[in-house]
Protein backbone atom coordinates (compact mmCIF):
# COMPACT_ATOMS: atom_id res chain seq x y z
CA UNK A 1 3.36 10.27 -7.77
CA UNK A 2 4.62 11.60 -11.07
CA UNK A 3 4.88 15.26 -11.90
CA UNK A 4 3.37 16.65 -15.10
CA UNK A 5 6.57 16.51 -17.16
CA UNK A 6 7.25 12.90 -16.17
CA UNK A 7 3.69 11.87 -17.07
CA UNK A 8 3.99 13.59 -20.44
CA UNK A 9 7.29 11.83 -21.16
CA UNK A 10 5.73 8.50 -20.13
CA UNK A 11 2.77 9.10 -22.48
CA UNK A 12 5.18 9.81 -25.35
CA UNK A 13 7.12 6.64 -24.57
CA UNK A 14 3.93 4.57 -24.51
CA UNK A 15 3.10 5.81 -28.02
CA UNK A 16 6.62 5.08 -29.24
CA UNK A 17 6.93 1.67 -27.55
CA UNK A 18 3.54 -0.02 -27.87
CA UNK A 19 2.76 -3.31 -26.15
CA UNK A 20 5.90 -3.22 -24.01
CA UNK A 21 8.25 -3.62 -26.95
CA UNK A 22 11.74 -2.15 -26.91
CA UNK A 23 12.26 0.69 -29.31
CA UNK A 24 15.11 3.05 -30.16
CA UNK A 25 14.20 6.65 -29.45
CA UNK A 26 16.29 9.78 -29.73
CA UNK A 27 16.05 12.25 -26.89
CA UNK A 28 15.49 15.15 -29.33
CA UNK A 29 12.35 13.37 -30.60
CA UNK A 30 10.98 13.07 -27.07
CA UNK A 31 11.79 16.72 -26.34
CA UNK A 32 10.16 17.91 -29.57
CA UNK A 33 7.00 15.90 -28.76
CA UNK A 34 6.58 17.72 -25.43
CA UNK A 35 4.22 20.71 -25.35
CA UNK A 36 6.14 24.00 -25.41
CA UNK A 37 4.90 24.80 -21.91
CA UNK A 38 6.71 21.72 -20.54
CA UNK A 39 9.89 21.65 -22.65
CA UNK A 40 12.99 20.26 -20.97
CA UNK A 41 16.63 20.17 -22.00
CA UNK A 42 18.70 17.02 -22.55
CA UNK A 43 19.77 16.88 -18.92
CA UNK A 44 16.22 17.34 -17.66
CA UNK A 45 15.00 14.54 -19.92
CA UNK A 46 17.79 12.27 -18.74
CA UNK A 47 16.79 12.92 -15.12
CA UNK A 48 13.15 12.13 -15.92
CA UNK A 49 14.11 8.89 -17.69
CA UNK A 50 16.34 7.82 -14.80
CA UNK A 51 13.51 8.53 -12.35
CA UNK A 52 11.01 6.56 -14.46
CA UNK A 53 13.42 3.63 -14.62
CA UNK A 54 14.06 3.66 -10.86
CA UNK A 55 10.32 3.68 -10.22
CA UNK A 56 9.99 0.70 -12.60
CA UNK A 57 7.78 2.53 -15.11
CA UNK A 58 10.27 1.94 -17.94
CA UNK A 59 13.25 -0.28 -18.72
CA UNK A 60 16.29 1.20 -20.45
CA UNK A 61 18.49 -1.35 -22.25
CA UNK A 62 21.07 1.22 -23.23
CA UNK A 63 21.71 4.93 -23.56
CA UNK A 64 24.15 5.98 -26.27
CA UNK A 65 24.67 9.74 -26.27
CA UNK A 66 21.01 10.74 -26.36
CA UNK A 67 19.75 7.63 -28.15
CA UNK A 68 17.81 5.27 -25.92
CA UNK A 69 16.64 1.71 -26.34
CA UNK A 70 13.78 1.41 -23.91
CA UNK A 71 10.45 -0.16 -23.14
CA UNK A 72 7.48 0.86 -21.03
CA UNK A 73 6.86 -1.68 -18.27
CA UNK A 74 3.35 -2.84 -17.28
CA UNK A 75 3.39 -0.62 -14.19
CA UNK A 76 3.91 2.45 -16.42
CA UNK A 77 0.97 1.50 -18.62
CA UNK A 78 -1.25 0.86 -15.58
CA UNK A 79 -0.41 4.25 -14.10
CA UNK A 80 -1.64 6.14 -17.14
CA UNK A 81 -4.71 3.91 -17.48
CA UNK A 82 -5.64 4.77 -13.88
CA UNK A 83 -5.21 8.48 -14.64
CA UNK A 84 -7.50 8.13 -17.67
CA UNK A 85 -10.14 6.37 -15.57
CA UNK A 86 -10.00 9.10 -12.92
CA UNK A 87 -10.39 11.74 -15.61
CA UNK A 88 -13.42 9.91 -17.06
CA UNK A 89 -15.01 9.65 -13.60
CA UNK A 90 -14.53 13.38 -13.01
CA UNK A 91 -16.05 14.14 -16.40
CA UNK A 92 -19.11 11.98 -15.72
CA UNK A 93 -19.57 13.60 -12.30
CA UNK A 94 -19.40 17.03 -13.90
CA UNK A 95 -22.16 16.14 -16.36
CA UNK A 96 -24.29 14.76 -13.54
CA UNK A 97 -23.80 17.98 -11.55
CA UNK A 98 -24.76 20.11 -14.58
CA UNK A 99 -27.91 18.05 -15.17
CA UNK A 100 -29.01 18.19 -11.54
CA UNK A 101 -28.29 21.90 -11.41
CA UNK A 102 -30.36 22.48 -14.57
CA UNK A 103 -33.40 20.61 -13.24
CA UNK A 104 -33.23 22.24 -9.81
CA UNK A 105 -33.07 25.66 -11.45
CA UNK A 106 -35.98 24.78 -13.75
CA UNK A 107 -38.16 23.58 -10.84
CA UNK A 108 -37.25 26.63 -8.74
CA UNK A 109 -38.21 28.93 -11.61
CA UNK A 110 -41.54 27.19 -12.11
CA UNK A 111 -42.30 27.29 -8.38
CA UNK A 112 -41.40 30.97 -8.29
CA UNK A 113 -43.76 31.68 -11.17
CA UNK A 114 -46.60 29.70 -9.54
CA UNK A 115 -46.12 31.39 -6.14
CA UNK A 116 -45.91 34.81 -7.81
CA UNK A 117 -49.11 34.12 -9.75
CA UNK A 118 -50.92 32.98 -6.57
CA UNK A 119 -49.82 36.06 -4.66
CA UNK A 120 -50.72 38.39 -7.51
CA UNK A 121 -54.15 36.94 -8.22
CA UNK A 122 -54.96 35.29 -4.95
């Protein structure tokens, strides 16, 4: 399982290296693309990249003083696609819950009004 910072770095790399192509990326560009809440230093980024490579999410051809030639492997792309699918499923379940909750509340309100009317006039 990837932590939040590693997933964010992987997402950035997928944008920079589309379709599994190798691309040259500077570490400062990756760091600047991270949200301020999840900023890392050069050493932290290097550790994340090494971890991603060991887990076979990315392939690094070379690292030259903060300049990387790398590619995102199919397993890295699949991981983020699975995360997106899970997020979509959660979103659809949330909408279903809201709809059911709305109709249950509406029916309960109507029943309450009918019962109140019967008791008041009956």
